[in-house]
Amino acid sequence: MVFTSTATVELDSDSSSDAIWNVLSDGWTYASWVVGTSRVRAVDPHWPQPGARLHHSFGVWPLVINDHTEVLELDPGRRIRLQARGWPTGEATVEITTSPTEGSSTRLTIEEDVTSGPARLLPKPFRQAATVPRNRETLRRLSLLASGRPA
């Protein structure tokens, strides 16, 4: 694992980029692929357009905390940049990109780092050591969900 400015994870998926974007564009699937999210409570009707919010909870019942994730930037079919809130821990900026590989496969990349809150006090190597395994599983789940969807 190389420590850069953000924790970066890549996964080559057998799913097409279109199938992956079908999942990313459906805010109600968020809790199915984002590790740590326990439920989605509401999704703005214009999700995933910039400014749209997805209202989620994280934690294990009955100790769940309600917060939201907001779309900061969107390049449809290629990149989505999110501000994920998880207070009292803090906030993180997350960027997910897709790029075609051979055949109908897709390379998924996720980059994340804490941008505010108490978790920012942890040294970057410790933050990344916790984030990389979680995001590896997040991409695996996203890929599996996409494999069951039509392109």
Protein backbone atom coordinates (compact mmCIF):
# COMPACT_ATOMS: atom_id res chain seq x y z
CA MET A 1 0.00 0.00 0.00
CA VAL A 2 1.37 3.39 -1.00
CA PHE A 3 0.36 6.39 1.09
CA THR A 4 -0.53 9.37 -1.05
CA SER A 5 -2.65 12.40 -0.26
CA THR A 6 -5.75 10.20 -0.21
CA ALA A 7 -6.47 6.53 0.41
CA THR A 8 -6.84 5.04 -3.08
CA VAL A 9 -8.25 1.63 -3.97
CA GLU A 10 -8.76 0.12 -7.43
CA LEU A 11 -10.78 -2.88 -8.53
CA ASP A 12 -11.25 -4.39 -11.97
CA SER A 13 -14.91 -5.30 -12.34
CA ASP A 14 -16.48 -7.64 -14.89
CA SER A 15 -19.44 -5.25 -14.99
CA SER A 16 -19.83 -2.61 -17.65
CA SER A 17 -19.41 1.04 -16.78
CA ASP A 18 -23.10 1.59 -17.63
CA ALA A 19 -24.19 -1.08 -15.13
CA ILE A 20 -21.97 0.45 -12.44
CA TRP A 21 -23.40 3.92 -13.12
CA ASN A 22 -26.91 2.49 -12.89
CA VAL A 23 -26.08 1.53 -9.30
CA LEU A 24 -24.33 4.83 -8.50
CA SER A 25 -27.28 6.76 -9.91
CA ASP A 26 -29.75 4.92 -7.68
CA GLY A 27 -29.28 6.55 -4.28
CA TRP A 28 -31.49 3.94 -2.62
CA THR A 29 -28.74 1.32 -3.20
CA TYR A 30 -26.14 3.32 -1.23
CA ALA A 31 -26.48 1.28 1.98
CA SER A 32 -26.03 -1.92 -0.02
CA TRP A 33 -22.55 -1.05 -1.21
CA VAL A 34 -21.09 1.60 1.14
CA VAL A 35 -19.53 -0.21 4.10
CA GLY A 36 -20.73 1.22 7.39
CA THR A 37 -24.00 2.66 6.10
CA SER A 38 -26.90 0.90 7.75
CA ARG A 39 -29.84 2.46 5.88
CA VAL A 40 -30.92 5.16 3.46
CA ARG A 41 -33.68 7.40 4.83
CA ALA A 42 -34.27 9.70 1.85
CA VAL A 43 -32.76 10.58 -1.53
CA ASP A 44 -33.16 13.98 -3.20
CA PRO A 45 -35.10 13.57 -6.46
CA HIS A 46 -32.26 15.04 -8.55
CA TRP A 47 -29.65 12.52 -7.24
CA PRO A 48 -26.82 12.28 -8.38
CA GLN A 49 -26.67 15.84 -9.70
CA PRO A 50 -24.33 18.26 -7.85
CA GLY A 51 -25.95 19.57 -4.69
CA ALA A 52 -28.20 16.51 -4.29
CA ARG A 53 -28.20 14.85 -0.88
CA LEU A 54 -28.67 11.30 0.19
CA HIS A 55 -29.80 11.00 3.82
CA HIS A 56 -28.36 7.92 5.49
CA SER A 57 -27.66 6.37 8.85
CA PHE A 58 -24.53 4.60 9.97
CA GLY A 59 -23.73 2.33 12.87
CA VAL A 60 -25.39 -0.72 14.32
CA TRP A 61 -28.96 -0.54 15.57
CA PRO A 62 -29.94 0.83 18.02
CA LEU A 63 -26.81 3.00 18.01
CA VAL A 64 -27.28 4.59 14.59
CA ILE A 65 -26.44 8.16 13.69
CA ASN A 66 -28.30 10.06 10.99
CA ASP A 67 -26.37 12.23 8.54
CA HIS A 68 -26.08 12.81 4.81
CA THR A 69 -23.81 12.64 1.77
CA GLU A 70 -23.83 15.38 -0.86
CA VAL A 71 -22.74 15.28 -4.49
CA LEU A 72 -20.00 17.86 -5.06
CA GLU A 73 -19.16 17.12 -8.69
CA LEU A 74 -20.40 14.78 -11.37
CA ASP A 75 -19.02 13.73 -14.73
CA PRO A 76 -21.76 11.25 -15.70
CA GLY A 77 -20.44 7.81 -16.54
CA ARG A 78 -16.94 8.69 -15.39
CA ARG A 79 -16.64 10.38 -11.99
CA ILE A 80 -18.62 11.34 -8.92
CA ARG A 81 -17.21 13.38 -6.03
CA LEU A 82 -19.05 13.25 -2.71
CA GLN A 83 -18.86 14.90 0.69
CA ALA A 84 -19.77 12.12 3.12
CA ARG A 85 -20.78 13.25 6.59
CA GLY A 86 -20.50 11.01 9.60
CA TRP A 87 -20.61 13.23 12.64
CA PRO A 88 -19.43 13.12 15.39
CA THR A 89 -16.49 11.44 13.60
CA GLY A 90 -16.31 14.04 10.84
CA GLU A 91 -16.53 14.36 7.07
CA ALA A 92 -14.66 12.85 4.16
CA THR A 93 -14.36 13.70 0.50
CA VAL A 94 -14.82 10.61 -1.65
CA GLU A 95 -14.24 10.34 -5.39
CA ILE A 96 -15.30 7.33 -7.43
CA THR A 97 -14.16 6.99 -11.03
CA THR A 98 -14.76 4.40 -13.70
CA SER A 99 -12.69 3.69 -16.77
CA PRO A 100 -13.12 0.99 -19.41
CA THR A 101 -10.69 -1.90 -19.60
CA GLU A 102 -10.58 -4.78 -22.07
CA GLY A 103 -13.93 -6.10 -23.27
CA SER A 104 -16.85 -4.93 -21.19
CA SER A 105 -14.87 -4.71 -17.96
CA THR A 106 -14.43 -1.57 -15.90
CA ARG A 107 -11.74 -0.30 -13.56
CA LEU A 108 -13.26 1.22 -10.43
CA THR A 109 -11.20 3.65 -8.36
CA ILE A 110 -12.15 5.20 -5.06
CA GLU A 111 -10.15 7.92 -3.32
CA GLU A 112 -11.02 9.17 0.14
CA ASP A 113 -9.68 11.27 2.96
CA VAL A 114 -11.11 12.94 6.03
CA THR A 115 -11.62 16.65 5.48
CA SER A 116 -12.99 17.78 8.85
CA GLY A 117 -13.84 16.63 12.33
CA PRO A 118 -12.04 14.70 15.06
CA ALA A 119 -10.91 11.90 12.70
CA ARG A 120 -8.71 14.50 10.97
CA LEU A 121 -6.53 14.51 14.11
CA LEU A 122 -5.36 10.96 13.36
CA PRO A 123 -2.12 10.84 11.36
CA LYS A 124 -2.76 10.19 7.67
CA PRO A 125 -1.16 6.70 7.63
CA PHE A 126 -3.56 5.57 10.40
CA ARG A 127 -6.58 7.05 8.60
CA GLN A 128 -5.57 5.35 5.39
CA ALA A 129 -4.92 2.01 7.10
CA ALA A 130 -8.55 2.03 8.25
CA THR A 131 -10.01 3.41 5.00
CA VAL A 132 -8.32 1.15 2.43
CA PRO A 133 -9.82 -2.20 3.61
CA ARG A 134 -13.28 -0.63 3.98
CA ASN A 135 -13.12 0.87 0.49
CA ARG A 136 -11.84 -2.38 -1.00
CA GLU A 137 -15.02 -4.03 0.27
CA THR A 138 -17.12 -1.06 -0.86
CA LEU A 139 -15.88 -1.45 -4.45
CA ARG A 140 -16.39 -5.21 -4.29
CA ARG A 141 -20.03 -4.68 -3.24
CA LEU A 142 -20.57 -2.04 -5.92
CA SER A 143 -19.21 -4.41 -8.55
CA LEU A 144 -21.42 -7.28 -7.35
CA LEU A 145 -24.55 -5.10 -7.40
CA ALA A 146 -23.70 -3.91 -10.91
CA SER A 147 -23.21 -7.48 -12.14
CA GLY A 148 -26.89 -8.16 -11.47
CA ARG A 149 -28.09 -5.07 -13.37
CA PRO A 150 -28.55 -4.61 -17.09
CA ALA A 151 -26.25 -2.10 -18.74
